[in-house]
Amino acid sequence: MRKMQAEMKITALEQLKSVTDLLQSHMNQLAVDKEQQMDIRLCLMEAVQNGILYGGSAEGEPSEVHVSWDCNEEEIVFSIEDNGPGIPEGLRNRSWDVLDFEEHGRGILLMQTILDELVFNEKGNRLTGRMRWKQRGGHHSEERH
């Protein structure tokens, strides 16, 4: 089975394009459906942007966001971690029913809707997402859970 991996550190939003370009190259090589490519790029961009904008340490150190992924013909698993205090637990577990569109948290809701799995570490400064690629015929290889 073909497997592609990447790991990098981001400190500025200007670096995001090089990350998403590499990701897209990997997905193209694996012949991933274009719609799912767009979904994963959206999720990755949301997570990295949040890490850069809000992930600086309490001591005033600038944000450092670590991005990594493993992908193959069946799925992608990615992880985004920053050096900040973490996303408050209340924002990690919200639903569309209670969302005030003036508040933060829309990106997390989008990721929860798009991905098959989204998990945060206890602190809330690292998230791991998983998406199974659609098989021919437009269905996931397994049902979402």
C-alpha atoms as a PDB file:
ATOM      1  CA  MET A   1       0.000   0.000   0.000  1.00  0.00           C
ATOM      2  CA  ARG A   2       1.283   3.432  -0.937  1.00  0.00           C
ATOM      3  CA  LYS A   3       1.805   5.747   2.032  1.00  0.00           C
ATOM      4  CA  MET A   4       2.715   9.422   2.157  1.00  0.00           C
ATOM      5  CA  GLN A   5       3.771  11.377   5.199  1.00  0.00           C
ATOM      6  CA  ALA A   6       4.703  14.916   6.096  1.00  0.00           C
ATOM      7  CA  GLU A   7       5.772  16.754   9.203  1.00  0.00           C
ATOM      8  CA  MET A   8       6.530  20.466   9.470  1.00  0.00           C
ATOM      9  CA  LYS A   9       6.528  23.478  11.760  1.00  0.00           C
ATOM     10  CA  ILE A  10       4.651  26.670  10.852  1.00  0.00           C
ATOM     11  CA  THR A  11       5.170  30.053  12.509  1.00  0.00           C
ATOM     12  CA  ALA A  12       3.339  32.378  10.094  1.00  0.00           C
ATOM     13  CA  LEU A  13       0.164  32.272   8.005  1.00  0.00           C
ATOM     14  CA  GLU A  14       2.265  32.925   4.894  1.00  0.00           C
ATOM     15  CA  GLN A  15       3.645  29.385   5.210  1.00  0.00           C
ATOM     16  CA  LEU A  16       0.193  27.804   4.989  1.00  0.00           C
ATOM     17  CA  LYS A  17       0.142  27.687   1.174  1.00  0.00           C
ATOM     18  CA  SER A  18       3.264  25.538   1.025  1.00  0.00           C
ATOM     19  CA  VAL A  19       1.647  23.107   3.489  1.00  0.00           C
ATOM     20  CA  THR A  20      -1.612  22.837   1.552  1.00  0.00           C
ATOM     21  CA  ASP A  21       0.275  22.563  -1.761  1.00  0.00           C
ATOM     22  CA  LEU A  22       2.250  19.581  -0.444  1.00  0.00           C
ATOM     23  CA  LEU A  23      -0.913  17.995   0.923  1.00  0.00           C
ATOM     24  CA  GLN A  24      -2.685  18.452  -2.400  1.00  0.00           C
ATOM     25  CA  SER A  25       0.271  16.910  -4.223  1.00  0.00           C
ATOM     26  CA  HIS A  26       0.086  13.854  -1.966  1.00  0.00           C
ATOM     27  CA  MET A  27      -3.670  13.519  -2.460  1.00  0.00           C
ATOM     28  CA  ASN A  28      -3.332  13.895  -6.245  1.00  0.00           C
ATOM     29  CA  GLN A  29      -0.746  11.106  -6.304  1.00  0.00           C
ATOM     30  CA  LEU A  30      -3.217   8.915  -4.421  1.00  0.00           C
ATOM     31  CA  ALA A  31      -6.054   9.886  -6.820  1.00  0.00           C
ATOM     32  CA  VAL A  32      -8.229  11.220  -3.985  1.00  0.00           C
ATOM     33  CA  ASP A  33     -11.645  12.570  -4.989  1.00  0.00           C
ATOM     34  CA  LYS A  34     -11.472  16.354  -5.644  1.00  0.00           C
ATOM     35  CA  GLU A  35     -14.343  17.087  -3.239  1.00  0.00           C
ATOM     36  CA  GLN A  36     -12.559  15.288  -0.421  1.00  0.00           C
ATOM     37  CA  GLN A  37      -9.333  17.087  -1.293  1.00  0.00           C
ATOM     38  CA  MET A  38     -11.154  20.381  -0.788  1.00  0.00           C
ATOM     39  CA  ASP A  39     -12.655  19.166   2.504  1.00  0.00           C
ATOM     40  CA  ILE A  40      -9.278  18.112   3.924  1.00  0.00           C
ATOM     41  CA  ARG A  41      -7.621  21.341   2.789  1.00  0.00           C
ATOM     42  CA  LEU A  42     -10.396  23.310   4.523  1.00  0.00           C
ATOM     43  CA  CYS A  43      -9.970  21.348   7.761  1.00  0.00           C
ATOM     44  CA  LEU A  44      -6.194  21.673   7.723  1.00  0.00           C
ATOM     45  CA  MET A  45      -6.340  25.398   6.957  1.00  0.00           C
ATOM     46  CA  GLU A  46      -8.867  26.041   9.750  1.00  0.00           C
ATOM     47  CA  ALA A  47      -6.782  24.173  12.305  1.00  0.00           C
ATOM     48  CA  VAL A  48      -3.468  25.772  11.295  1.00  0.00           C
ATOM     49  CA  GLN A  49      -4.947  29.282  11.162  1.00  0.00           C
ATOM     50  CA  ASN A  50      -6.413  28.841  14.653  1.00  0.00           C
ATOM     51  CA  GLY A  51      -3.043  27.607  15.907  1.00  0.00           C
ATOM     52  CA  ILE A  52      -1.173  30.574  14.428  1.00  0.00           C
ATOM     53  CA  LEU A  53      -3.709  33.180  15.567  1.00  0.00           C
ATOM     54  CA  TYR A  54      -4.448  31.845  19.068  1.00  0.00           C
ATOM     55  CA  GLY A  55      -1.724  29.325  19.845  1.00  0.00           C
ATOM     56  CA  GLY A  56       1.007  31.498  21.335  1.00  0.00           C
ATOM     57  CA  SER A  57       2.158  30.623  24.829  1.00  0.00           C
ATOM     58  CA  ALA A  58       0.995  32.430  27.956  1.00  0.00           C
ATOM     59  CA  GLU A  59       4.560  33.738  28.334  1.00  0.00           C
ATOM     60  CA  GLY A  60       4.122  35.714  25.118  1.00  0.00           C
ATOM     61  CA  GLU A  61       6.114  33.415  22.856  1.00  0.00           C
ATOM     62  CA  PRO A  62       4.894  33.492  19.248  1.00  0.00           C
ATOM     63  CA  SER A  63       2.828  30.611  17.924  1.00  0.00           C
ATOM     64  CA  GLU A  64       4.503  27.455  16.696  1.00  0.00           C
ATOM     65  CA  VAL A  65       2.220  25.018  14.921  1.00  0.00           C
ATOM     66  CA  HIS A  66       3.331  21.466  14.201  1.00  0.00           C
ATOM     67  CA  VAL A  67       1.535  19.852  11.275  1.00  0.00           C
ATOM     68  CA  SER A  68       1.795  16.206  10.330  1.00  0.00           C
ATOM     69  CA  TRP A  69      -0.147  13.676   8.298  1.00  0.00           C
ATOM     70  CA  ASP A  70      -0.092  10.106   7.105  1.00  0.00           C
ATOM     71  CA  CYS A  71      -2.176   9.234   4.082  1.00  0.00           C
ATOM     72  CA  ASN A  72      -2.662   6.225   1.885  1.00  0.00           C
ATOM     73  CA  GLU A  73      -5.248   4.901  -0.571  1.00  0.00           C
ATOM     74  CA  GLU A  74      -7.781   4.391   2.252  1.00  0.00           C
ATOM     75  CA  GLU A  75      -7.534   7.422   4.534  1.00  0.00           C
ATOM     76  CA  ILE A  76      -5.703  10.419   5.895  1.00  0.00           C
ATOM     77  CA  VAL A  77      -4.878  11.037   9.533  1.00  0.00           C
ATOM     78  CA  PHE A  78      -3.527  14.468  10.395  1.00  0.00           C
ATOM     79  CA  SER A  79      -2.442  16.188  13.583  1.00  0.00           C
ATOM     80  CA  ILE A  80      -2.134  19.894  14.359  1.00  0.00           C
ATOM     81  CA  GLU A  81      -0.486  21.015  17.621  1.00  0.00           C
ATOM     82  CA  ASP A  82       0.430  24.479  18.864  1.00  0.00           C
ATOM     83  CA  ASN A  83       2.288  25.819  21.898  1.00  0.00           C
ATOM     84  CA  GLY A  84      -0.720  27.672  23.289  1.00  0.00           C
ATOM     85  CA  PRO A  85      -3.131  27.132  26.163  1.00  0.00           C
ATOM     86  CA  GLY A  86      -5.541  25.058  24.078  1.00  0.00           C
ATOM     87  CA  ILE A  87      -9.085  25.412  22.822  1.00  0.00           C
ATOM     88  CA  PRO A  88     -11.530  25.696  25.733  1.00  0.00           C
ATOM     89  CA  GLU A  89     -13.461  22.473  26.259  1.00  0.00           C
ATOM     90  CA  GLY A  90     -16.780  24.275  25.721  1.00  0.00           C
ATOM     91  CA  LEU A  91     -15.756  25.134  22.143  1.00  0.00           C
ATOM     92  CA  ARG A  92     -14.601  21.580  21.432  1.00  0.00           C
ATOM     93  CA  ASN A  93     -18.015  20.020  22.063  1.00  0.00           C
ATOM     94  CA  ARG A  94     -20.580  22.436  20.652  1.00  0.00           C
ATOM     95  CA  SER A  95     -23.345  21.777  18.192  1.00  0.00           C
ATOM     96  CA  TRP A  96     -24.761  23.853  15.358  1.00  0.00           C
ATOM     97  CA  ASP A  97     -27.907  24.334  17.466  1.00  0.00           C
ATOM     98  CA  VAL A  98     -26.166  26.591  19.991  1.00  0.00           C
ATOM     99  CA  LEU A  99     -23.711  28.392  17.730  1.00  0.00           C
ATOM    100  CA  ASP A 100     -23.758  32.162  17.810  1.00  0.00           C
ATOM    101  CA  PHE A 101     -22.135  33.131  14.522  1.00  0.00           C
ATOM    102  CA  GLU A 102     -20.379  36.053  16.185  1.00  0.00           C
ATOM    103  CA  GLU A 103     -18.445  33.642  18.403  1.00  0.00           C
ATOM    104  CA  HIS A 104     -15.388  31.505  17.765  1.00  0.00           C
ATOM    105  CA  GLY A 105     -15.709  27.806  17.048  1.00  0.00           C
ATOM    106  CA  ARG A 106     -17.156  27.620  13.544  1.00  0.00           C
ATOM    107  CA  GLY A 107     -14.014  25.946  12.198  1.00  0.00           C
ATOM    108  CA  ILE A 108     -14.254  23.200  14.798  1.00  0.00           C
ATOM    109  CA  LEU A 109     -17.890  22.570  13.901  1.00  0.00           C
ATOM    110  CA  LEU A 110     -16.989  22.388  10.221  1.00  0.00           C
ATOM    111  CA  MET A 111     -14.236  19.881  10.969  1.00  0.00           C
ATOM    112  CA  GLN A 112     -16.585  17.789  13.131  1.00  0.00           C
ATOM    113  CA  THR A 113     -19.085  17.736  10.250  1.00  0.00           C
ATOM    114  CA  ILE A 114     -16.558  16.913   7.515  1.00  0.00           C
ATOM    115  CA  LEU A 115     -14.250  14.430   9.227  1.00  0.00           C
ATOM    116  CA  ASP A 116     -14.958  10.855  10.216  1.00  0.00           C
ATOM    117  CA  GLU A 117     -13.173  11.476  13.515  1.00  0.00           C
ATOM    118  CA  LEU A 118     -11.872  14.553  15.371  1.00  0.00           C
ATOM    119  CA  VAL A 119     -10.108  14.139  18.721  1.00  0.00           C
ATOM    120  CA  PHE A 120      -8.447  16.705  20.997  1.00  0.00           C
ATOM    121  CA  ASN A 121      -5.791  16.050  23.601  1.00  0.00           C
ATOM    122  CA  GLU A 122      -6.740  16.871  27.198  1.00  0.00           C
ATOM    123  CA  LYS A 123      -5.174  20.343  27.093  1.00  0.00           C
ATOM    124  CA  GLY A 124      -6.896  21.175  23.810  1.00  0.00           C
ATOM    125  CA  ASN A 125      -3.778  22.323  21.952  1.00  0.00           C
ATOM    126  CA  ARG A 126      -3.550  19.275  19.672  1.00  0.00           C
ATOM    127  CA  LEU A 127      -6.205  17.862  17.417  1.00  0.00           C
ATOM    128  CA  THR A 128      -6.125  14.745  15.329  1.00  0.00           C
ATOM    129  CA  GLY A 129      -8.479  14.268  12.417  1.00  0.00           C
ATOM    130  CA  ARG A 130      -9.262  11.244  10.279  1.00  0.00           C
ATOM    131  CA  MET A 131     -11.085  10.936   6.975  1.00  0.00           C
ATOM    132  CA  ARG A 132     -11.625   7.750   5.027  1.00  0.00           C
ATOM    133  CA  TRP A 133     -11.516   8.295   1.285  1.00  0.00           C
ATOM    134  CA  LYS A 134     -14.592   7.581  -0.777  1.00  0.00           C
ATOM    135  CA  GLN A 135     -14.366   4.360  -2.678  1.00  0.00           C
ATOM    136  CA  ARG A 136     -15.533   4.112  -6.259  1.00  0.00           C
ATOM    137  CA  GLY A 137     -19.254   4.622  -6.213  1.00  0.00           C
ATOM    138  CA  GLY A 138     -19.027   7.527  -3.751  1.00  0.00           C
ATOM    139  CA  HIS A 139     -19.172   5.633  -0.440  1.00  0.00           C
ATOM    140  CA  HIS A 140     -16.685   5.535   2.432  1.00  0.00           C
ATOM    141  CA  SER A 141     -14.887   2.268   2.988  1.00  0.00           C
ATOM    142  CA  GLU A 142     -16.556   2.127   6.437  1.00  0.00           C
ATOM    143  CA  GLU A 143     -19.411   4.039   8.014  1.00  0.00           C
ATOM    144  CA  ARG A 144     -18.664   7.163  10.040  1.00  0.00           C
ATOM    145  CA  HIS A 145     -18.681   6.912  13.811  1.00  0.00           C
END
